[in-house]
PDB file of N, CA and C in Angstrom:
ATOM      1  N   UNK A   1     -47.102  -7.043  37.094  1.00  0.00           N
ATOM      2  CA  UNK A   1     -46.438  -6.029  37.884  1.00  0.00           C
ATOM      3  C   UNK A   1     -45.260  -5.453  37.114  1.00  0.00           C
ATOM      4  N   UNK A   2     -45.486  -5.011  35.951  1.00  0.00           N
ATOM      5  CA  UNK A   2     -44.397  -4.486  35.141  1.00  0.00           C
ATOM      6  C   UNK A   2     -43.925  -3.127  35.628  1.00  0.00           C
ATOM      7  N   UNK A   3     -44.756  -2.420  36.337  1.00  0.00           N
ATOM      8  CA  UNK A   3     -44.376  -1.092  36.802  1.00  0.00           C
ATOM      9  C   UNK A   3     -44.262  -1.048  38.331  1.00  0.00           C
ATOM     10  N   UNK A   4     -43.725  -2.094  38.904  1.00  0.00           N
ATOM     11  CA  UNK A   4     -43.581  -2.124  40.356  1.00  0.00           C
ATOM     12  C   UNK A   4     -42.468  -1.173  40.790  1.00  0.00           C
ATOM     13  N   UNK A   5     -42.613  -0.616  41.967  1.00  0.00           N
ATOM     14  CA  UNK A   5     -41.651   0.346  42.493  1.00  0.00           C
ATOM     15  C   UNK A   5     -41.202  -0.071  43.874  1.00  0.00           C
ATOM     16  N   UNK A   6     -40.053   0.436  44.262  1.00  0.00           N
ATOM     17  CA  UNK A   6     -39.532   0.175  45.597  1.00  0.00           C
ATOM     18  C   UNK A   6     -40.385   0.893  46.631  1.00  0.00           C
ATOM     19  N   UNK A   7     -40.493   0.284  47.797  1.00  0.00           N
ATOM     20  CA  UNK A   7     -41.247   0.924  48.866  1.00  0.00           C
ATOM     21  C   UNK A   7     -40.397   1.927  49.627  1.00  0.00           C
ATOM     22  N   UNK A   8     -39.118   1.631  49.767  1.00  0.00           N
ATOM     23  CA  UNK A   8     -38.219   2.551  50.464  1.00  0.00           C
ATOM     24  C   UNK A   8     -37.140   3.033  49.492  1.00  0.00           C
ATOM     25  N   UNK A   9     -36.825   4.294  49.527  1.00  0.00           N
ATOM     26  CA  UNK A   9     -35.836   4.839  48.579  1.00  0.00           C
ATOM     27  C   UNK A   9     -34.397   4.645  49.035  1.00  0.00           C
ATOM     28  N   UNK A  10     -33.998   3.389  49.291  1.00  0.00           N
ATOM     29  CA  UNK A  10     -32.642   3.089  49.752  1.00  0.00           C
ATOM     30  C   UNK A  10     -32.011   2.102  48.787  1.00  0.00           C
ATOM     31  N   UNK A  11     -30.742   2.331  48.456  1.00  0.00           N
ATOM     32  CA  UNK A  11     -29.999   1.405  47.612  1.00  0.00           C
ATOM     33  C   UNK A  11     -28.587   1.273  48.172  1.00  0.00           C
ATOM     34  N   UNK A  12     -27.941   0.138  47.913  1.00  0.00           N
ATOM     35  CA  UNK A  12     -26.620  -0.098  48.485  1.00  0.00           C
ATOM     36  C   UNK A  12     -25.521   0.475  47.599  1.00  0.00           C
ATOM     37  N   UNK A  13     -24.436   0.886  48.227  1.00  0.00           N
ATOM     38  CA  UNK A  13     -23.240   1.334  47.514  1.00  0.00           C
ATOM     39  C   UNK A  13     -22.346   0.123  47.301  1.00  0.00           C
ATOM     40  N   UNK A  14     -22.019  -0.154  46.060  1.00  0.00           N
ATOM     41  CA  UNK A  14     -21.160  -1.289  45.764  1.00  0.00           C
ATOM     42  C   UNK A  14     -20.025  -0.863  44.854  1.00  0.00           C
ATOM     43  N   UNK A  15     -19.030  -1.723  44.749  1.00  0.00           N
ATOM     44  CA  UNK A  15     -17.911  -1.435  43.861  1.00  0.00           C
ATOM     45  C   UNK A  15     -18.340  -1.515  42.404  1.00  0.00           C
ATOM     46  N   UNK A  16     -19.209  -2.451  42.108  1.00  0.00           N
ATOM     47  CA  UNK A  16     -19.757  -2.562  40.760  1.00  0.00           C
ATOM     48  C   UNK A  16     -21.143  -3.173  40.869  1.00  0.00           C
ATOM     49  N   UNK A  17     -21.828  -3.301  39.774  1.00  0.00           N
ATOM     50  CA  UNK A  17     -23.168  -3.845  39.793  1.00  0.00           C
ATOM     51  C   UNK A  17     -23.232  -5.322  40.119  1.00  0.00           C
ATOM     52  N   UNK A  18     -22.087  -6.015  40.032  1.00  0.00           N
ATOM     53  CA  UNK A  18     -22.073  -7.444  40.308  1.00  0.00           C
ATOM     54  C   UNK A  18     -22.228  -7.756  41.788  1.00  0.00           C
ATOM     55  N   UNK A  19     -21.767  -6.847  42.638  1.00  0.00           N
ATOM     56  CA  UNK A  19     -21.778  -7.094  44.072  1.00  0.00           C
ATOM     57  C   UNK A  19     -22.943  -6.366  44.725  1.00  0.00           C
ATOM     58  N   UNK A  20     -24.150  -6.809  44.468  1.00  0.00           N
ATOM     59  CA  UNK A  20     -25.314  -6.145  45.015  1.00  0.00           C
ATOM     60  C   UNK A  20     -25.598  -6.505  46.453  1.00  0.00           C
ATOM     61  N   UNK A  21     -25.045  -7.614  46.925  1.00  0.00           N
ATOM     62  CA  UNK A  21     -25.283  -8.027  48.293  1.00  0.00           C
ATOM     63  C   UNK A  21     -23.993  -8.559  48.896  1.00  0.00           C
ATOM     64  N   UNK A  22     -24.071  -8.925  50.154  1.00  0.00           N
ATOM     65  CA  UNK A  22     -22.914  -9.450  50.861  1.00  0.00           C
ATOM     66  C   UNK A  22     -22.961 -10.969  50.956  1.00  0.00           C
ATOM     67  N   UNK A  23     -23.786 -11.605  50.162  1.00  0.00           N
ATOM     68  CA  UNK A  23     -23.987 -13.043  50.270  1.00  0.00           C
ATOM     69  C   UNK A  23     -22.694 -13.820  50.042  1.00  0.00           C
ATOM     70  N   UNK A  24     -21.963 -13.511  48.987  1.00  0.00           N
ATOM     71  CA  UNK A  24     -20.727 -14.231  48.691  1.00  0.00           C
ATOM     72  C   UNK A  24     -19.657 -13.971  49.751  1.00  0.00           C
ATOM     73  N   UNK A  25     -19.579 -12.733  50.236  1.00  0.00           N
ATOM     74  CA  UNK A  25     -18.603 -12.408  51.273  1.00  0.00           C
ATOM     75  C   UNK A  25     -18.905 -13.166  52.560  1.00  0.00           C
ATOM     76  N   UNK A  26     -20.173 -13.236  52.920  1.00  0.00           N
ATOM     77  CA  UNK A  26     -20.556 -13.971  54.124  1.00  0.00           C
ATOM     78  C   UNK A  26     -20.310 -15.458  53.965  1.00  0.00           C
ATOM     79  N   UNK A  27     -20.526 -15.973  52.768  1.00  0.00           N
ATOM     80  CA  UNK A  27     -20.282 -17.393  52.512  1.00  0.00           C
ATOM     81  C   UNK A  27     -18.793 -17.717  52.691  1.00  0.00           C
ATOM     82  N   UNK A  28     -17.927 -16.887  52.154  1.00  0.00           N
ATOM     83  CA  UNK A  28     -16.488 -17.099  52.282  1.00  0.00           C
ATOM     84  C   UNK A  28     -16.041 -16.973  53.741  1.00  0.00           C
ATOM     85  N   UNK A  29     -16.586 -15.993  54.455  1.00  0.00           N
ATOM     86  CA  UNK A  29     -16.213 -15.793  55.860  1.00  0.00           C
ATOM     87  C   UNK A  29     -16.638 -16.984  56.716  1.00  0.00           C
ATOM     88  N   UNK A  30     -17.825 -17.526  56.461  1.00  0.00           N
ATOM     89  CA  UNK A  30     -18.277 -18.676  57.245  1.00  0.00           C
ATOM     90  C   UNK A  30     -17.493 -19.930  56.915  1.00  0.00           C
ATOM     91  N   UNK A  31     -17.051 -20.079  55.673  1.00  0.00           N
ATOM     92  CA  UNK A  31     -16.194 -21.215  55.328  1.00  0.00           C
ATOM     93  C   UNK A  31     -14.869 -21.146  56.081  1.00  0.00           C
ATOM     94  N   UNK A  32     -14.266 -19.961  56.113  1.00  0.00           N
ATOM     95  CA  UNK A  32     -13.011 -19.783  56.845  1.00  0.00           C
ATOM     96  C   UNK A  32     -13.214 -20.050  58.334  1.00  0.00           C
ATOM     97  N   UNK A  33     -14.325 -19.580  58.870  1.00  0.00           N
ATOM     98  CA  UNK A  33     -14.641 -19.767  60.283  1.00  0.00           C
ATOM     99  C   UNK A  33     -14.763 -21.256  60.624  1.00  0.00           C
ATOM    100  N   UNK A  34     -15.514 -21.997  59.814  1.00  0.00           N
ATOM    101  CA  UNK A  34     -15.681 -23.424  60.077  1.00  0.00           C
ATOM    102  C   UNK A  34     -14.371 -24.185  59.910  1.00  0.00           C
ATOM    103  N   UNK A  35     -13.589 -23.820  58.885  1.00  0.00           N
ATOM    104  CA  UNK A  35     -12.324 -24.505  58.637  1.00  0.00           C
ATOM    105  C   UNK A  35     -11.352 -24.314  59.792  1.00  0.00           C
ATOM    106  N   UNK A  36     -11.201 -23.105  60.293  1.00  0.00           N
ATOM    107  CA  UNK A  36     -10.246 -22.852  61.378  1.00  0.00           C
ATOM    108  C   UNK A  36     -10.675 -23.547  62.656  1.00  0.00           C
ATOM    109  N   UNK A  37     -11.982 -23.565  62.938  1.00  0.00           N
ATOM    110  CA  UNK A  37     -12.440 -24.249  64.148  1.00  0.00           C
ATOM    111  C   UNK A  37     -12.305 -25.761  64.026  1.00  0.00           C
ATOM    112  N   UNK A  38     -12.539 -26.316  62.838  1.00  0.00           N
ATOM    113  CA  UNK A  38     -12.344 -27.762  62.649  1.00  0.00           C
ATOM    114  C   UNK A  38     -10.888 -28.143  62.837  1.00  0.00           C
ATOM    115  N   UNK A  39      -9.989 -27.329  62.312  1.00  0.00           N
ATOM    116  CA  UNK A  39      -8.566 -27.613  62.471  1.00  0.00           C
ATOM    117  C   UNK A  39      -8.149 -27.518  63.930  1.00  0.00           C
ATOM    118  N   UNK A  40      -8.689 -26.559  64.645  1.00  0.00           N
ATOM    119  CA  UNK A  40      -8.380 -26.407  66.063  1.00  0.00           C
ATOM    120  C   UNK A  40      -8.875 -27.610  66.861  1.00  0.00           C
ATOM    121  N   UNK A  41     -10.095 -28.051  66.578  1.00  0.00           N
ATOM    122  CA  UNK A  41     -10.636 -29.211  67.281  1.00  0.00           C
ATOM    123  C   UNK A  41      -9.878 -30.491  66.927  1.00  0.00           C
ATOM    124  N   UNK A  42      -9.478 -30.633  65.665  1.00  0.00           N
ATOM    125  CA  UNK A  42      -8.734 -31.816  65.253  1.00  0.00           C
ATOM    126  C   UNK A  42      -7.378 -31.878  65.946  1.00  0.00           C
ATOM    127  N   UNK A  43      -6.707 -30.754  66.029  1.00  0.00           N
ATOM    128  CA  UNK A  43      -5.410 -30.718  66.710  1.00  0.00           C
ATOM    129  C   UNK A  43      -5.564 -30.989  68.199  1.00  0.00           C
ATOM    130  N   UNK A  44      -6.656 -30.524  68.773  1.00  0.00           N
ATOM    131  CA  UNK A  44      -6.902 -30.737  70.190  1.00  0.00           C
ATOM    132  C   UNK A  44      -7.184 -32.214  70.464  1.00  0.00           C
ATOM    133  N   UNK A  45      -7.897 -32.880  69.566  1.00  0.00           N
ATOM    134  CA  UNK A  45      -8.198 -34.298  69.760  1.00  0.00           C
ATOM    135  C   UNK A  45      -6.975 -35.161  69.541  1.00  0.00           C
ATOM    136  N   UNK A  46      -6.053 -34.724  68.709  1.00  0.00           N
ATOM    137  CA  UNK A  46      -4.843 -35.502  68.465  1.00  0.00           C
ATOM    138  C   UNK A  46      -3.923 -35.491  69.677  1.00  0.00           C
ATOM    139  N   UNK A  47      -3.882 -34.395  70.402  1.00  0.00           N
ATOM    140  CA  UNK A  47      -3.018 -34.334  71.574  1.00  0.00           C
ATOM    141  C   UNK A  47      -3.674 -34.996  72.776  1.00  0.00           C
ATOM    142  N   UNK A  48      -4.997 -34.984  72.831  1.00  0.00           N
ATOM    143  CA  UNK A  48      -5.779 -35.622  73.901  1.00  0.00           C
ATOM    144  C   UNK A  48      -5.402 -35.092  75.281  1.00  0.00           C
ATOM    145  N   UNK A  49      -5.164 -33.796  75.366  1.00  0.00           N
ATOM    146  CA  UNK A  49      -4.908 -33.188  76.666  1.00  0.00           C
ATOM    147  C   UNK A  49      -6.237 -32.790  77.275  1.00  0.00           C
ATOM    148  N   UNK A  50      -6.581 -33.414  78.368  1.00  0.00           N
ATOM    149  CA  UNK A  50      -7.846 -33.092  79.021  1.00  0.00           C
ATOM    150  C   UNK A  50      -7.728 -31.845  79.879  1.00  0.00           C
ATOM    151  N   UNK A  51      -6.522 -31.444  80.193  1.00  0.00           N
ATOM    152  CA  UNK A  51      -6.333 -30.272  81.036  1.00  0.00           C
ATOM    153  C   UNK A  51      -6.545 -28.973  80.266  1.00  0.00           C
ATOM    154  N   UNK A  52      -6.280 -29.002  78.973  1.00  0.00           N
ATOM    155  CA  UNK A  52      -6.423 -27.789  78.164  1.00  0.00           C
ATOM    156  C   UNK A  52      -7.895 -27.520  77.855  1.00  0.00           C
ATOM    157  N   UNK A  53      -8.260 -26.278  77.924  1.00  0.00           N
ATOM    158  CA  UNK A  53      -9.620 -25.865  77.584  1.00  0.00           C
ATOM    159  C   UNK A  53      -9.616 -25.407  76.130  1.00  0.00           C
ATOM    160  N   UNK A  54     -10.586 -25.890  75.371  1.00  0.00           N
ATOM    161  CA  UNK A  54     -10.676 -25.528  73.964  1.00  0.00           C
ATOM    162  C   UNK A  54     -11.361 -24.171  73.849  1.00  0.00           C
ATOM    163  N   UNK A  55     -10.665 -23.213  73.311  1.00  0.00           N
ATOM    164  CA  UNK A  55     -11.232 -21.899  73.046  1.00  0.00           C
ATOM    165  C   UNK A  55     -11.394 -21.758  71.536  1.00  0.00           C
ATOM    166  N   UNK A  56     -12.621 -21.815  71.074  1.00  0.00           N
ATOM    167  CA  UNK A  56     -12.886 -21.709  69.648  1.00  0.00           C
ATOM    168  C   UNK A  56     -12.840 -20.252  69.214  1.00  0.00           C
ATOM    169  N   UNK A  57     -12.578 -20.069  67.925  1.00  0.00           N
ATOM    170  CA  UNK A  57     -12.575 -18.725  67.362  1.00  0.00           C
ATOM    171  C   UNK A  57     -13.996 -18.213  67.202  1.00  0.00           C
ATOM    172  N   UNK A  58     -14.126 -16.911  67.205  1.00  0.00           N
ATOM    173  CA  UNK A  58     -15.401 -16.273  66.876  1.00  0.00           C
ATOM    174  C   UNK A  58     -15.342 -15.836  65.420  1.00  0.00           C
ATOM    175  N   UNK A  59     -16.512 -15.581  64.839  1.00  0.00           N
ATOM    176  CA  UNK A  59     -16.567 -15.219  63.419  1.00  0.00           C
ATOM    177  C   UNK A  59     -15.849 -13.896  63.161  1.00  0.00           C
ATOM    178  N   UNK A  60     -15.884 -12.965  64.111  1.00  0.00           N
ATOM    179  CA  UNK A  60     -15.228 -11.669  63.919  1.00  0.00           C
ATOM    180  C   UNK A  60     -13.718 -11.773  64.008  1.00  0.00           C
ATOM    181  N   UNK A  61     -13.204 -12.838  64.656  1.00  0.00           N
ATOM    182  CA  UNK A  61     -11.766 -13.023  64.733  1.00  0.00           C
ATOM    183  C   UNK A  61     -11.191 -13.589  63.433  1.00  0.00           C
ATOM    184  N   UNK A  62     -12.030 -14.274  62.670  1.00  0.00           N
ATOM    185  CA  UNK A  62     -11.574 -14.909  61.440  1.00  0.00           C
ATOM    186  C   UNK A  62     -11.755 -13.995  60.239  1.00  0.00           C
ATOM    187  N   UNK A  63     -12.881 -13.291  60.166  1.00  0.00           N
ATOM    188  CA  UNK A  63     -13.162 -12.446  59.003  1.00  0.00           C
ATOM    189  C   UNK A  63     -13.189 -10.972  59.400  1.00  0.00           C
ATOM    190  N   UNK A  64     -13.107 -10.120  58.387  1.00  0.00           N
ATOM    191  CA  UNK A  64     -13.113  -8.681  58.599  1.00  0.00           C
ATOM    192  C   UNK A  64     -14.218  -8.075  57.735  1.00  0.00           C
ATOM    193  N   UNK A  65     -15.242  -7.492  58.359  1.00  0.00           N
ATOM    194  CA  UNK A  65     -16.361  -6.943  57.602  1.00  0.00           C
ATOM    195  C   UNK A  65     -15.968  -5.708  56.805  1.00  0.00           C
ATOM    196  N   UNK A  66     -14.846  -5.099  57.142  1.00  0.00           N
ATOM    197  CA  UNK A  66     -14.404  -3.923  56.416  1.00  0.00           C
ATOM    198  C   UNK A  66     -13.832  -4.281  55.045  1.00  0.00           C
ATOM    199  N   UNK A  67     -13.535  -5.548  54.830  1.00  0.00           N
ATOM    200  CA  UNK A  67     -12.996  -5.960  53.538  1.00  0.00           C
ATOM    201  C   UNK A  67     -14.079  -6.479  52.592  1.00  0.00           C
ATOM    202  N   UNK A  68     -15.340  -6.441  53.011  1.00  0.00           N
ATOM    203  CA  UNK A  68     -16.422  -6.896  52.139  1.00  0.00           C
ATOM    204  C   UNK A  68     -16.615  -5.907  50.993  1.00  0.00           C
ATOM    205  N   UNK A  69     -17.244  -6.377  49.906  1.00  0.00           N
ATOM    206  CA  UNK A  69     -17.405  -5.554  48.706  1.00  0.00           C
ATOM    207  C   UNK A  69     -18.448  -4.453  48.872  1.00  0.00           C
ATOM    208  N   UNK A  70     -19.474  -4.693  49.646  1.00  0.00           N
ATOM    209  CA  UNK A  70     -20.527  -3.706  49.821  1.00  0.00           C
ATOM    210  C   UNK A  70     -20.050  -2.601  50.758  1.00  0.00           C
ATOM    211  N   UNK A  71     -20.453  -1.365  50.469  1.00  0.00           N
ATOM    212  CA  UNK A  71     -19.948  -0.231  51.245  1.00  0.00           C
ATOM    213  C   UNK A  71     -21.097   0.658  51.705  1.00  0.00           C
ATOM    214  N   UNK A  72     -22.039   0.121  52.439  1.00  0.00           N
ATOM    215  CA  UNK A  72     -23.106   0.919  53.008  1.00  0.00           C
ATOM    216  C   UNK A  72     -24.280   1.144  52.080  1.00  0.00           C
ATOM    217  N   UNK A  73     -25.156   2.056  52.480  1.00  0.00           N
ATOM    218  CA  UNK A  73     -26.369   2.375  51.722  1.00  0.00           C
ATOM    219  C   UNK A  73     -26.530   3.877  51.609  1.00  0.00           C
ATOM    220  N   UNK A  74     -27.380   4.310  50.677  1.00  0.00           N
ATOM    221  CA  UNK A  74     -27.701   5.726  50.574  1.00  0.00           C
ATOM    222  C   UNK A  74     -29.153   5.885  50.127  1.00  0.00           C
ATOM    223  N   UNK A  75     -29.718   7.043  50.409  1.00  0.00           N
ATOM    224  CA  UNK A  75     -31.090   7.365  50.034  1.00  0.00           C
ATOM    225  C   UNK A  75     -31.121   8.026  48.665  1.00  0.00           C
ATOM    226  N   UNK A  76     -32.210   7.810  47.934  1.00  0.00           N
ATOM    227  CA  UNK A  76     -32.438   8.531  46.694  1.00  0.00           C
ATOM    228  C   UNK A  76     -32.892   9.943  47.027  1.00  0.00           C
ATOM    229  N   UNK A  77     -32.549  10.881  46.186  1.00  0.00           N
ATOM    230  CA  UNK A  77     -32.979  12.261  46.403  1.00  0.00           C
ATOM    231  C   UNK A  77     -34.472  12.388  46.116  1.00  0.00           C
ATOM    232  N   UNK A  78     -34.856  12.424  44.872  1.00  0.00           N
ATOM    233  CA  UNK A  78     -36.263  12.465  44.501  1.00  0.00           C
ATOM    234  C   UNK A  78     -36.357  12.074  43.029  1.00  0.00           C
ATOM    235  N   UNK A  79     -36.123  10.814  42.751  1.00  0.00           N
ATOM    236  CA  UNK A  79     -36.124  10.357  41.357  1.00  0.00           C
ATOM    237  C   UNK A  79     -37.046   9.165  41.229  1.00  0.00           C
ATOM    238  N   UNK A  80     -38.103   9.334  40.437  1.00  0.00           N
ATOM    239  CA  UNK A  80     -39.039   8.250  40.246  1.00  0.00           C
ATOM    240  C   UNK A  80     -38.474   7.158  39.346  1.00  0.00           C
ATOM    241  N   UNK A  81     -37.610   7.515  38.412  1.00  0.00           N
ATOM    242  CA  UNK A  81     -37.041   6.505  37.512  1.00  0.00           C
ATOM    243  C   UNK A  81     -36.105   5.561  38.271  1.00  0.00           C
ATOM    244  N   UNK A  82     -35.386   6.077  39.260  1.00  0.00           N
ATOM    245  CA  UNK A  82     -34.477   5.231  40.032  1.00  0.00           C
ATOM    246  C   UNK A  82     -35.218   4.336  41.003  1.00  0.00           C
ATOM    247  N   UNK A  83     -36.462   4.644  41.288  1.00  0.00           N
ATOM    248  CA  UNK A  83     -37.242   3.827  42.205  1.00  0.00           C
ATOM    249  C   UNK A  83     -37.824   2.606  41.518  1.00  0.00           C
ATOM    250  N   UNK A  84     -37.745   2.509  40.200  1.00  0.00           N
ATOM    251  CA  UNK A  84     -38.250   1.347  39.488  1.00  0.00           C
ATOM    252  C   UNK A  84     -37.367   0.149  39.781  1.00  0.00           C
ATOM    253  N   UNK A  85     -37.948  -1.020  39.857  1.00  0.00           N
ATOM    254  CA  UNK A  85     -37.184  -2.242  40.117  1.00  0.00           C
ATOM    255  C   UNK A  85     -36.600  -2.785  38.843  1.00  0.00           C
TER     256      UNK A  85
END
């Protein structure tokens, strides 16, 4: 398959060629999310207050998708060379 081509003419806009996906950004965001919730649960267990309700953070409260490296997608105009993988 040396001459394989993309099926859809869509490519992502990135800051540079190194950041082709959001995988690293999502990995960092999930680490922060787990760390903050673990710290919250640990502090809650240390106080042992049964009256307090534990409200965990959501992923959107910890990370900001607007700060990720990827910046959307765009369509190719009509270029066969750019459609090559």
